[in-house]
Amino acid sequence: MYVAMSESRFIQTLNEQIAYELAASNQYVAIAVYFDSETLQQLAAHFYRQALEERNHAMMLVQYLLDSGEQIRIPAVAEPKNDFSDAVAPVALALTQERTVTEQIVRLAALAREENDLVGAQFLDWFLKEQREEVASMSALLAVVERAADNLLLAEDHLSRNQIGDAGVDPTAPPAAGGAL
């Protein structure tokens, strides 16, 4: 049975996902600032890029809701974790965060299919692929930082020579409200 969009749990949950994506963006800013304060510019730059990417994910959700004629709620988000015991902790937190977001997207995709919202399900296919890549790249970064924990300049050197994560704009990505800034 098709559920009208205005009554859709999928749409309600998609609005909630905006908060999760914005919170992830804020957490990545906090992680970037931590690495910046430790003068680890490559790690800081990586997480500043991740923050922008998560913000754009939120804006993709907003654009989908705008295009669908649905009501949008831009939520408040909780303060991110700002203090870390060492350089491994923020990367481990980032990996945990990516795994959590993956579970959220999987639940959203399942909900869209359950409600027979095939357009919504198709929209989320890109996010499912993206999350697989995010978990893999954050796992790789955590392995590098753990191995280089005694000399983080090795992790910095590795990041300066090797791109971890996506290399920029994905032409298959859904449009973001306000454009991908």
N, C-alpha and C. Protein backbone atom coordinates (compact mmCIF):
# COMPACT_ATOMS: atom_id res chain seq x y z
N MET A 1 0.84 -1.18 0.00
CA MET A 1 0.00 0.00 0.00
C MET A 1 0.88 1.24 0.00
N TYR A 2 0.57 2.19 -0.84
CA TYR A 2 1.32 3.44 -0.93
C TYR A 2 0.88 4.37 0.20
N VAL A 3 1.85 4.96 0.91
CA VAL A 3 1.57 5.90 1.99
C VAL A 3 1.74 7.30 1.44
N ALA A 4 0.75 8.14 1.63
CA ALA A 4 0.85 9.53 1.17
C ALA A 4 2.05 10.19 1.82
N MET A 5 2.75 11.03 1.05
CA MET A 5 3.97 11.65 1.54
C MET A 5 3.75 12.40 2.84
N SER A 6 2.64 13.10 2.95
CA SER A 6 2.41 13.90 4.16
C SER A 6 2.24 13.03 5.40
N GLU A 7 1.86 11.77 5.20
CA GLU A 7 1.69 10.85 6.33
C GLU A 7 2.89 9.91 6.47
N SER A 8 3.86 10.08 5.65
CA SER A 8 4.95 9.14 5.52
C SER A 8 5.93 9.19 6.69
N ARG A 9 6.20 8.03 7.26
CA ARG A 9 7.26 7.92 8.27
C ARG A 9 8.62 8.14 7.60
N PHE A 10 8.70 7.75 6.33
CA PHE A 10 9.94 7.96 5.58
C PHE A 10 10.29 9.44 5.53
N ILE A 11 9.33 10.29 5.23
CA ILE A 11 9.58 11.73 5.15
C ILE A 11 9.95 12.28 6.53
N GLN A 12 9.25 11.82 7.56
CA GLN A 12 9.58 12.27 8.92
C GLN A 12 11.01 11.86 9.29
N THR A 13 11.37 10.63 8.95
CA THR A 13 12.70 10.13 9.28
C THR A 13 13.77 10.82 8.44
N LEU A 14 13.43 11.15 7.20
CA LEU A 14 14.36 11.89 6.35
C LEU A 14 14.65 13.26 6.94
N ASN A 15 13.62 13.92 7.48
CA ASN A 15 13.83 15.19 8.18
C ASN A 15 14.76 15.00 9.38
N GLU A 16 14.59 13.90 10.12
CA GLU A 16 15.47 13.62 11.26
C GLU A 16 16.90 13.40 10.80
N GLN A 17 17.06 12.80 9.63
CA GLN A 17 18.41 12.52 9.13
C GLN A 17 19.17 13.82 8.85
N ILE A 18 18.46 14.89 8.54
CA ILE A 18 19.12 16.19 8.34
C ILE A 18 19.90 16.55 9.60
N ALA A 19 19.31 16.31 10.76
CA ALA A 19 19.99 16.61 12.03
C ALA A 19 21.24 15.76 12.19
N TYR A 20 21.13 14.47 11.84
CA TYR A 20 22.29 13.58 11.98
C TYR A 20 23.44 14.02 11.07
N GLU A 21 23.09 14.44 9.87
CA GLU A 21 24.13 14.88 8.93
C GLU A 21 24.78 16.19 9.39
N LEU A 22 23.97 17.11 9.89
CA LEU A 22 24.53 18.37 10.40
C LEU A 22 25.36 18.14 11.66
N ALA A 23 24.92 17.23 12.50
CA ALA A 23 25.72 16.89 13.70
C ALA A 23 27.04 16.25 13.29
N ALA A 24 27.01 15.40 12.27
CA ALA A 24 28.25 14.80 11.78
C ALA A 24 29.19 15.88 11.25
N SER A 25 28.64 16.85 10.54
CA SER A 25 29.45 17.95 10.04
C SER A 25 30.10 18.71 11.19
N ASN A 26 29.31 19.02 12.21
CA ASN A 26 29.87 19.73 13.37
C ASN A 26 30.94 18.90 14.08
N GLN A 27 30.71 17.60 14.17
CA GLN A 27 31.71 16.74 14.82
C GLN A 27 33.01 16.76 14.03
N TYR A 28 32.90 16.74 12.70
CA TYR A 28 34.11 16.79 11.89
C TYR A 28 34.83 18.13 12.01
N VAL A 29 34.08 19.21 12.16
CA VAL A 29 34.73 20.51 12.40
C VAL A 29 35.50 20.45 13.72
N ALA A 30 34.88 19.89 14.76
CA ALA A 30 35.56 19.79 16.06
C ALA A 30 36.82 18.93 15.96
N ILE A 31 36.75 17.85 15.20
CA ILE A 31 37.93 17.00 15.01
C ILE A 31 39.00 17.77 14.24
N ALA A 32 38.59 18.47 13.19
CA ALA A 32 39.55 19.26 12.41
C ALA A 32 40.24 20.31 13.28
N VAL A 33 39.46 20.97 14.12
CA VAL A 33 40.03 21.99 15.00
C VAL A 33 41.02 21.35 15.98
N TYR A 34 40.71 20.18 16.48
CA TYR A 34 41.65 19.46 17.36
C TYR A 34 42.98 19.26 16.63
N PHE A 35 42.90 18.72 15.40
CA PHE A 35 44.14 18.46 14.66
C PHE A 35 44.84 19.76 14.28
N ASP A 36 44.08 20.80 13.96
CA ASP A 36 44.68 22.11 13.69
C ASP A 36 45.44 22.61 14.91
N SER A 37 44.86 22.46 16.08
CA SER A 37 45.51 22.93 17.31
C SER A 37 46.77 22.13 17.64
N GLU A 38 46.86 20.94 17.09
CA GLU A 38 48.04 20.09 17.28
C GLU A 38 49.04 20.28 16.13
N THR A 39 48.80 21.26 15.26
CA THR A 39 49.60 21.56 14.07
C THR A 39 49.78 20.34 13.16
N LEU A 40 48.71 19.60 13.01
CA LEU A 40 48.67 18.45 12.09
C LEU A 40 47.76 18.85 10.93
N GLN A 41 48.32 19.65 10.02
CA GLN A 41 47.53 20.29 8.97
C GLN A 41 46.88 19.31 8.00
N GLN A 42 47.53 18.22 7.68
CA GLN A 42 46.93 17.26 6.74
C GLN A 42 45.70 16.60 7.35
N LEU A 43 45.80 16.20 8.60
CA LEU A 43 44.65 15.61 9.28
C LEU A 43 43.54 16.65 9.43
N ALA A 44 43.92 17.87 9.80
CA ALA A 44 42.92 18.94 9.93
C ALA A 44 42.21 19.16 8.60
N ALA A 45 42.97 19.28 7.52
CA ALA A 45 42.38 19.53 6.20
C ALA A 45 41.43 18.39 5.81
N HIS A 46 41.83 17.17 6.10
CA HIS A 46 40.97 16.02 5.79
C HIS A 46 39.62 16.15 6.48
N PHE A 47 39.64 16.50 7.76
CA PHE A 47 38.39 16.58 8.50
C PHE A 47 37.58 17.84 8.18
N TYR A 48 38.24 18.93 7.79
CA TYR A 48 37.47 20.08 7.30
C TYR A 48 36.73 19.70 6.02
N ARG A 49 37.39 18.94 5.13
CA ARG A 49 36.72 18.47 3.92
C ARG A 49 35.55 17.55 4.27
N GLN A 50 35.76 16.68 5.24
CA GLN A 50 34.69 15.77 5.67
C GLN A 50 33.50 16.57 6.22
N ALA A 51 33.79 17.63 6.95
CA ALA A 51 32.71 18.47 7.51
C ALA A 51 31.86 19.06 6.38
N LEU A 52 32.51 19.57 5.35
CA LEU A 52 31.78 20.13 4.22
C LEU A 52 30.96 19.06 3.51
N GLU A 53 31.53 17.88 3.39
CA GLU A 53 30.83 16.78 2.73
C GLU A 53 29.56 16.41 3.50
N GLU A 54 29.66 16.32 4.82
CA GLU A 54 28.48 15.97 5.63
C GLU A 54 27.43 17.08 5.56
N ARG A 55 27.86 18.32 5.56
CA ARG A 55 26.93 19.44 5.42
C ARG A 55 26.20 19.33 4.08
N ASN A 56 26.94 19.00 3.03
CA ASN A 56 26.32 18.85 1.73
C ASN A 56 25.35 17.67 1.69
N HIS A 57 25.66 16.61 2.43
CA HIS A 57 24.70 15.50 2.52
C HIS A 57 23.38 16.00 3.12
N ALA A 58 23.46 16.80 4.16
CA ALA A 58 22.24 17.37 4.76
C ALA A 58 21.49 18.20 3.73
N MET A 59 22.22 18.98 2.96
CA MET A 59 21.58 19.84 1.97
C MET A 59 21.00 19.04 0.80
N MET A 60 21.55 17.88 0.52
CA MET A 60 20.95 16.99 -0.49
C MET A 60 19.59 16.50 0.00
N LEU A 61 19.51 16.18 1.29
CA LEU A 61 18.24 15.75 1.87
C LEU A 61 17.23 16.90 1.81
N VAL A 62 17.70 18.10 2.12
CA VAL A 62 16.83 19.28 2.06
C VAL A 62 16.31 19.46 0.63
N GLN A 63 17.19 19.34 -0.36
CA GLN A 63 16.77 19.53 -1.75
C GLN A 63 15.76 18.47 -2.16
N TYR A 64 15.96 17.24 -1.73
CA TYR A 64 14.99 16.18 -2.04
C TYR A 64 13.62 16.53 -1.47
N LEU A 65 13.60 16.99 -0.23
CA LEU A 65 12.33 17.36 0.40
C LEU A 65 11.71 18.57 -0.30
N LEU A 66 12.52 19.55 -0.69
CA LEU A 66 12.02 20.70 -1.45
C LEU A 66 11.39 20.23 -2.76
N ASP A 67 12.12 19.37 -3.47
CA ASP A 67 11.63 18.88 -4.76
C ASP A 67 10.36 18.05 -4.61
N SER A 68 10.19 17.44 -3.44
CA SER A 68 9.02 16.60 -3.18
C SER A 68 7.84 17.40 -2.64
N GLY A 69 8.05 18.69 -2.40
CA GLY A 69 6.98 19.53 -1.86
C GLY A 69 6.66 19.22 -0.41
N GLU A 70 7.63 18.69 0.30
CA GLU A 70 7.42 18.32 1.70
C GLU A 70 7.90 19.41 2.64
N GLN A 71 7.36 19.40 3.85
CA GLN A 71 7.79 20.35 4.87
C GLN A 71 9.17 19.94 5.37
N ILE A 72 9.99 20.93 5.63
CA ILE A 72 11.36 20.69 6.06
C ILE A 72 11.56 21.32 7.43
N ARG A 73 12.18 20.57 8.32
CA ARG A 73 12.52 21.07 9.66
C ARG A 73 14.04 21.05 9.80
N ILE A 74 14.63 22.22 9.93
CA ILE A 74 16.06 22.30 10.17
C ILE A 74 16.25 22.27 11.68
N PRO A 75 16.84 21.21 12.18
CA PRO A 75 16.89 20.97 13.62
C PRO A 75 18.12 21.58 14.30
N ALA A 76 18.01 21.72 15.59
CA ALA A 76 19.18 22.02 16.40
C ALA A 76 19.97 20.73 16.55
N VAL A 77 21.25 20.85 16.78
CA VAL A 77 22.07 19.67 16.99
C VAL A 77 22.86 19.83 18.29
N ALA A 78 23.19 18.70 18.87
CA ALA A 78 23.94 18.70 20.13
C ALA A 78 25.39 19.14 19.88
N GLU A 79 26.00 19.65 20.92
CA GLU A 79 27.41 20.05 20.83
C GLU A 79 28.26 18.81 20.55
N PRO A 80 29.22 18.92 19.64
CA PRO A 80 30.09 17.78 19.36
C PRO A 80 31.11 17.57 20.46
N LYS A 81 31.73 16.42 20.45
CA LYS A 81 32.84 16.15 21.38
C LYS A 81 34.02 16.99 20.91
N ASN A 82 34.61 17.73 21.83
CA ASN A 82 35.70 18.64 21.49
C ASN A 82 37.05 18.24 22.08
N ASP A 83 37.04 17.40 23.09
CA ASP A 83 38.28 17.05 23.78
C ASP A 83 38.62 15.59 23.51
N PHE A 84 39.89 15.35 23.18
CA PHE A 84 40.34 14.01 22.85
C PHE A 84 41.62 13.71 23.61
N SER A 85 41.78 12.47 24.02
CA SER A 85 42.93 12.06 24.82
C SER A 85 44.20 11.93 23.98
N ASP A 86 44.04 11.63 22.72
CA ASP A 86 45.18 11.48 21.81
C ASP A 86 44.67 11.57 20.38
N ALA A 87 45.55 11.46 19.41
CA ALA A 87 45.18 11.64 18.01
C ALA A 87 44.40 10.46 17.44
N VAL A 88 44.45 9.32 18.07
CA VAL A 88 43.70 8.17 17.60
C VAL A 88 42.21 8.33 17.94
N ALA A 89 41.92 8.89 19.09
CA ALA A 89 40.53 8.99 19.58
C ALA A 89 39.59 9.70 18.60
N PRO A 90 39.95 10.85 18.03
CA PRO A 90 39.01 11.50 17.12
C PRO A 90 38.76 10.70 15.84
N VAL A 91 39.77 10.00 15.36
CA VAL A 91 39.58 9.21 14.14
C VAL A 91 38.71 7.99 14.45
N ALA A 92 38.93 7.39 15.61
CA ALA A 92 38.07 6.28 16.04
C ALA A 92 36.62 6.74 16.19
N LEU A 93 36.43 7.93 16.75
CA LEU A 93 35.09 8.50 16.86
C LEU A 93 34.47 8.72 15.48
N ALA A 94 35.27 9.20 14.55
CA ALA A 94 34.78 9.43 13.18
C ALA A 94 34.34 8.12 12.54
N LEU A 95 35.09 7.05 12.75
CA LEU A 95 34.70 5.75 12.19
C LEU A 95 33.40 5.27 12.82
N THR A 96 33.27 5.41 14.12
CA THR A 96 32.02 5.03 14.81
C THR A 96 30.86 5.84 14.24
N GLN A 97 31.09 7.13 14.04
CA GLN A 97 30.05 8.01 13.49
C GLN A 97 29.65 7.55 12.09
N GLU A 98 30.60 7.20 11.25
CA GLU A 98 30.29 6.75 9.89
C GLU A 98 29.49 5.44 9.92
N ARG A 99 29.84 4.56 10.83
CA ARG A 99 29.08 3.30 10.95
C ARG A 99 27.64 3.58 11.40
N THR A 100 27.48 4.52 12.31
CA THR A 100 26.14 4.88 12.78
C THR A 100 25.31 5.49 11.65
N VAL A 101 25.92 6.40 10.90
CA VAL A 101 25.20 7.02 9.78
C VAL A 101 24.83 5.96 8.75
N THR A 102 25.71 5.00 8.52
CA THR A 102 25.40 3.91 7.59
C THR A 102 24.16 3.17 8.04
N GLU A 103 24.09 2.84 9.33
CA GLU A 103 22.90 2.16 9.86
C GLU A 103 21.64 3.02 9.67
N GLN A 104 21.77 4.32 9.88
CA GLN A 104 20.62 5.23 9.70
C GLN A 104 20.15 5.24 8.25
N ILE A 105 21.08 5.30 7.32
CA ILE A 105 20.73 5.32 5.90
C ILE A 105 20.11 3.98 5.48
N VAL A 106 20.65 2.90 5.99
CA VAL A 106 20.07 1.58 5.69
C VAL A 106 18.63 1.51 6.18
N ARG A 107 18.38 2.00 7.40
CA ARG A 107 17.01 2.01 7.93
C ARG A 107 16.10 2.91 7.09
N LEU A 108 16.62 4.05 6.66
CA LEU A 108 15.83 4.95 5.80
C LEU A 108 15.47 4.26 4.48
N ALA A 109 16.43 3.61 3.86
CA ALA A 109 16.18 2.93 2.59
C ALA A 109 15.16 1.82 2.78
N ALA A 110 15.27 1.07 3.86
CA ALA A 110 14.30 0.01 4.15
C ALA A 110 12.91 0.59 4.37
N LEU A 111 12.83 1.71 5.06
CA LEU A 111 11.55 2.36 5.33
C LEU A 111 10.91 2.86 4.02
N ALA A 112 11.73 3.43 3.15
CA ALA A 112 11.20 3.89 1.85
C ALA A 112 10.61 2.71 1.08
N ARG A 113 11.31 1.59 1.09
CA ARG A 113 10.81 0.41 0.38
C ARG A 113 9.55 -0.15 1.06
N GLU A 114 9.55 -0.14 2.39
CA GLU A 114 8.39 -0.62 3.13
C GLU A 114 7.15 0.20 2.80
N GLU A 115 7.33 1.52 2.62
CA GLU A 115 6.22 2.40 2.29
C GLU A 115 5.96 2.49 0.79
N ASN A 116 6.70 1.67 0.04
CA ASN A 116 6.56 1.64 -1.42
C ASN A 116 6.88 2.99 -2.05
N ASP A 117 7.78 3.72 -1.44
CA ASP A 117 8.25 5.00 -1.97
C ASP A 117 9.50 4.71 -2.80
N LEU A 118 9.30 4.27 -4.02
CA LEU A 118 10.41 3.84 -4.85
C LEU A 118 11.30 5.01 -5.28
N VAL A 119 10.73 6.19 -5.39
CA VAL A 119 11.54 7.38 -5.71
C VAL A 119 12.48 7.68 -4.54
N GLY A 120 11.94 7.61 -3.32
CA GLY A 120 12.78 7.81 -2.14
C GLY A 120 13.85 6.74 -2.01
N ALA A 121 13.48 5.51 -2.28
CA ALA A 121 14.45 4.41 -2.21
C ALA A 121 15.56 4.61 -3.23
N GLN A 122 15.20 5.02 -4.43
CA GLN A 122 16.20 5.27 -5.47
C GLN A 122 17.11 6.42 -5.08
N PHE A 123 16.55 7.46 -4.49
CA PHE A 123 17.33 8.60 -4.02
C PHE A 123 18.40 8.15 -3.02
N LEU A 124 18.05 7.21 -2.16
CA LEU A 124 18.97 6.77 -1.11
C LEU A 124 20.04 5.81 -1.61
N ASP A 125 19.88 5.27 -2.82
CA ASP A 125 20.91 4.37 -3.35
C ASP A 125 22.28 5.02 -3.35
N TRP A 126 22.34 6.31 -3.74
CA TRP A 126 23.63 7.00 -3.76
C TRP A 126 24.22 7.09 -2.35
N PHE A 127 23.37 7.37 -1.37
CA PHE A 127 23.83 7.48 0.02
C PHE A 127 24.36 6.14 0.53
N LEU A 128 23.73 5.05 0.13
CA LEU A 128 24.21 3.72 0.54
C LEU A 128 25.62 3.47 0.00
N LYS A 129 25.83 3.79 -1.27
CA LYS A 129 27.16 3.64 -1.88
C LYS A 129 28.16 4.56 -1.18
N GLU A 130 27.76 5.77 -0.93
CA GLU A 130 28.63 6.76 -0.29
C GLU A 130 29.05 6.29 1.11
N GLN A 131 28.12 5.74 1.85
CA GLN A 131 28.44 5.30 3.21
C GLN A 131 29.41 4.12 3.21
N ARG A 132 29.27 3.23 2.24
CA ARG A 132 30.23 2.13 2.15
C ARG A 132 31.63 2.70 1.95
N GLU A 133 31.75 3.70 1.07
CA GLU A 133 33.04 4.34 0.83
C GLU A 133 33.54 5.08 2.06
N GLU A 134 32.64 5.75 2.77
CA GLU A 134 33.03 6.51 3.97
C GLU A 134 33.58 5.59 5.06
N VAL A 135 32.91 4.48 5.30
CA VAL A 135 33.38 3.54 6.32
C VAL A 135 34.74 2.97 5.91
N ALA A 136 34.89 2.60 4.66
CA ALA A 136 36.16 2.04 4.20
C ALA A 136 37.30 3.05 4.33
N SER A 137 37.06 4.30 3.91
CA SER A 137 38.14 5.29 3.97
C SER A 137 38.47 5.68 5.41
N MET A 138 37.45 5.76 6.27
CA MET A 138 37.74 6.10 7.67
C MET A 138 38.45 4.95 8.37
N SER A 139 38.11 3.72 8.01
CA SER A 139 38.83 2.55 8.56
C SER A 139 40.30 2.61 8.15
N ALA A 140 40.56 2.96 6.89
CA ALA A 140 41.93 3.07 6.42
C ALA A 140 42.68 4.18 7.15
N LEU A 141 42.03 5.31 7.34
CA LEU A 141 42.68 6.42 8.05
C LEU A 141 42.97 6.04 9.49
N LEU A 142 42.04 5.36 10.15
CA LEU A 142 42.28 4.93 11.52
C LEU A 142 43.49 3.99 11.59
N ALA A 143 43.61 3.07 10.65
CA ALA A 143 44.75 2.15 10.63
C ALA A 143 46.06 2.92 10.48
N VAL A 144 46.08 3.93 9.61
CA VAL A 144 47.28 4.75 9.42
C VAL A 144 47.62 5.50 10.70
N VAL A 145 46.64 6.14 11.32
CA VAL A 145 46.89 6.93 12.53
C VAL A 145 47.32 6.03 13.69
N GLU A 146 46.71 4.87 13.80
CA GLU A 146 47.12 3.94 14.87
C GLU A 146 48.57 3.49 14.67
N ARG A 147 48.94 3.17 13.43
CA ARG A 147 50.33 2.74 13.17
C ARG A 147 51.32 3.86 13.40
N ALA A 148 50.89 5.09 13.16
CA ALA A 148 51.79 6.25 13.28
C ALA A 148 51.61 6.99 14.61
N ALA A 149 50.94 6.39 15.56
CA ALA A 149 50.60 7.09 16.81
C ALA A 149 51.82 7.64 17.54
N ASP A 150 52.95 6.97 17.44
CA ASP A 150 54.15 7.45 18.12
C ASP A 150 54.86 8.58 17.37
N ASN A 151 54.52 8.74 16.10
CA ASN A 151 55.09 9.82 15.30
C ASN A 151 54.04 10.23 14.25
N LEU A 152 53.16 11.12 14.64
CA LEU A 152 52.05 11.51 13.78
C LEU A 152 52.49 12.22 12.50
N LEU A 153 53.76 12.64 12.46
CA LEU A 153 54.24 13.23 11.22
C LEU A 153 54.26 12.19 10.10
N LEU A 154 54.35 10.90 10.46
CA LEU A 154 54.25 9.84 9.46
C LEU A 154 52.84 9.79 8.86
N ALA A 155 51.83 9.97 9.70
CA ALA A 155 50.45 10.02 9.20
C ALA A 155 50.27 11.25 8.32
N GLU A 156 50.84 12.37 8.73
CA GLU A 156 50.78 13.60 7.94
C GLU A 156 51.43 13.38 6.57
N ASP A 157 52.59 12.75 6.58
CA ASP A 157 53.29 12.47 5.33
C ASP A 157 52.47 11.55 4.44
N HIS A 158 51.90 10.52 5.04
CA HIS A 158 51.06 9.59 4.29
C HIS A 158 49.88 10.33 3.64
N LEU A 159 49.21 11.18 4.41
CA LEU A 159 48.08 11.93 3.87
C LEU A 159 48.50 12.90 2.77
N SER A 160 49.69 13.46 2.87
CA SER A 160 50.14 14.40 1.84
C SER A 160 50.42 13.67 0.52
N ARG A 161 50.74 12.38 0.60
CA ARG A 161 51.04 11.61 -0.61
C ARG A 161 49.87 10.77 -1.11
N ASN A 162 48.91 10.47 -0.26
CA ASN A 162 47.81 9.57 -0.61
C ASN A 162 46.48 10.17 -0.23
N GLN A 163 45.58 10.22 -1.19
CA GLN A 163 44.23 10.70 -0.91
C GLN A 163 43.47 9.61 -0.17
N ILE A 164 42.96 9.94 1.00
CA ILE A 164 42.07 9.02 1.72
C ILE A 164 40.69 9.65 1.67
N GLY A 165 39.73 8.90 1.20
CA GLY A 165 38.38 9.43 1.02
C GLY A 165 38.17 9.84 -0.42
N ASP A 166 37.06 10.49 -0.68
CA ASP A 166 36.78 10.85 -2.07
C ASP A 166 37.65 12.01 -2.50
N ALA A 167 37.86 12.08 -3.78
CA ALA A 167 38.77 13.09 -4.32
C ALA A 167 38.05 14.35 -4.77
N GLY A 168 36.81 14.50 -4.40
CA GLY A 168 36.10 15.71 -4.78
C GLY A 168 34.64 15.46 -5.07
N VAL A 169 34.08 16.27 -5.93
CA VAL A 169 32.66 16.22 -6.24
C VAL A 169 32.35 14.96 -7.05
N ASP A 170 31.30 14.27 -6.67
CA ASP A 170 30.83 13.08 -7.37
C ASP A 170 29.72 13.51 -8.33
N PRO A 171 29.94 13.34 -9.63
CA PRO A 171 28.92 13.79 -10.59
C PRO A 171 27.61 13.01 -10.50
N THR A 172 27.61 11.87 -9.81
CA THR A 172 26.38 11.09 -9.66
C THR A 172 25.62 11.46 -8.40
N ALA A 173 26.17 12.39 -7.60
CA ALA A 173 25.53 12.78 -6.34
C ALA A 173 24.24 13.55 -6.62
N PRO A 174 23.27 13.39 -5.73
CA PRO A 174 22.03 14.19 -5.85
C PRO A 174 22.36 15.67 -5.66
N PRO A 175 21.53 16.55 -6.21
CA PRO A 175 21.77 17.98 -6.02
C PRO A 175 21.56 18.39 -4.57
N ALA A 176 22.34 19.37 -4.14
CA ALA A 176 22.24 19.90 -2.79
C ALA A 176 21.55 21.26 -2.83
N ALA A 177 20.68 21.53 -1.87
CA ALA A 177 20.04 22.84 -1.77
C ALA A 177 21.14 23.89 -1.64
N GLY A 178 21.03 24.96 -2.39
CA GLY A 178 22.05 26.00 -2.35
C GLY A 178 23.28 25.65 -3.17
N GLY A 179 23.26 24.52 -3.85
CA GLY A 179 24.42 24.07 -4.60
C GLY A 179 25.46 23.52 -3.66
N ALA A 180 26.30 22.67 -4.17
CA ALA A 180 27.39 22.11 -3.34
C ALA A 180 28.43 23.20 -3.14
N LEU A 181 28.41 23.78 -1.97
CA LEU A 181 29.31 24.91 -1.67
C LEU A 181 30.63 24.45 -1.12
